[in-house]
Amino acid sequence: MPTSTSAPSERIVIVGGGAGGLELASRLGRAHGRQRITLVDSRPFHIWKPSLHEAAAGTLDIHQEGLSYLMLAHLNGFSFAQGRLESVDRERRLVTVDAVRDDQGEEVLPRRELGYDTLVLALGSASNFFNTPGAEAHAVTLDTTENAEQFRLTMLKAMALVDQAKVRDPSSRLDLVIVGGGATGVELAVELVEASHVVSAYGLPNFRAERDLAITLVEGAPRILSALPEKISTAATARLKELGIRVETSCRVSEVTGASVKTADGREFPAQLCMWAAGIQGPAVLRGLGLPLNKLGQIEVNERLETSDPHILALGDCCAAPWRDGRTVPARAQAAHQQAEYLAKKLGARLRHAPEPSAPYVYEDHGSLVSLGQDAGVGSLMGKLAGRGLFVSGTLARLMYMSLHLMHHKAVLGVSRTASLALARLLMRRTRPRVKLH
């Protein structure tokens, strides 16, 4: 039951139901109730964004993985409003949520206005094409579940076409270029190789992944995973090459066409499919709010995650929070989780009309883990012993990577429901194909 004694008129609206926004709504909802806490998201269900590369490869079914926001709202005591953020009236403290329509265009939920006393923006990020000619028109991104499903279906179709073409032309193959050697690009490349082996075994007799699928990973920096320790980058590169994935570093993309990816140094890689994972920027809707943005279109916040408007806070990938040496907090799930925890205390005090914590938010880097397939991973765990990190790899790293997903589920579902969900998914694997085939 809610424990707050604050007036019902004290309203907090959180826009964005990603890892940070959902965890914040759940924490506040459990303590203060649905009259005070409202979560807004354009979709009816929640997917942990770091797992979208698995959805794109088909090794994770978003329709099985998705958690209903209405269910989560009921369990955690907050209100949920579905719809895309259209605008914010800062003077009247109103957010406008666009109408929701079905596949036939019929209106299901009307356009609405929601009042707030405090607005928290947790909108995540969008892909940054850096004005590269043809990239937006011809490349696919992994910004949303719809993007992941679109890529999965396109990939399945392309594999089926190559399988049929092999009868007439034995040299037929599927060329895929992934632009961006960060965690998303690396994880997707490995996942696609493993998934393609399974798909061919299920009904593509002429398609052999090791022969007919050519994946090229293009990275502009001197090495992949450039934001992580070099040891991780070296191990990941070795794993990619072991799987037959071509890795091209110090390679800046100059143009994307419907059939190829061209680079600034004059090279051209054939590409029936191109996945863009080269960088992020703030969502376009932020440009109309009248708040200071950085060069990537992210909202600038101070060390307490406050914007220039005292009634608006921000967390996660959509904001640029100060860190150290003039840098901002990196766009990682662990940062969003920490920021949600910080704002839960800050806003909890605000709802109780108590003094807010004066301590600033300080990002703590606990290390990074990268999935390199169903049975492998690589990463570093940041320890406090002499300031050095612990390098982990193989099955241990993969299990630790999976535990991060479970920890997120625990924050929004609780221990018992998370355990039941994990067990149910393990059992269901025995009656379903290893990849989604439809």
Foldseek 3Di string as FASTA:
>chain_A
DADFPFDLVAAEEEEACELQSVLLLLLQQQHHAASHYEYEEQDQWYDHLVCLLLLLLQLDPCVLRTHGPVVLCVVRGHHYDHADFDAADLVQQKTWGCFDADPVRHTDGHIDIDHHQAYEYAHAWDFDPVPFAACVVAAQESPDNVSSNVNNVVVLVQQLVQLVCCVVPVQAAAEEEEEAQAQSSLQSLLSNLVSVCQSCVVDSVRDDSLRHYAYEYEELAQFGNVVADVVQRVVSVVLCVVSVYHYHYNWAWRHDDCFWTATPVGDIGGHPHYYYDHDIAADPNLVRHPWDADPRQAGEAEQAQATPRNRYGYFANRHFYDAPPRHTDDRDSLRSNQNSVSVSQQVVCVSNVHDGDPDGRYDDDQKDKHDNDPFKIWIWGQDPPVRDIDTDMTNVSNVVVVVVVLVSCCSSPNDVVSVVSVVVVVVVPVVDRSGDND
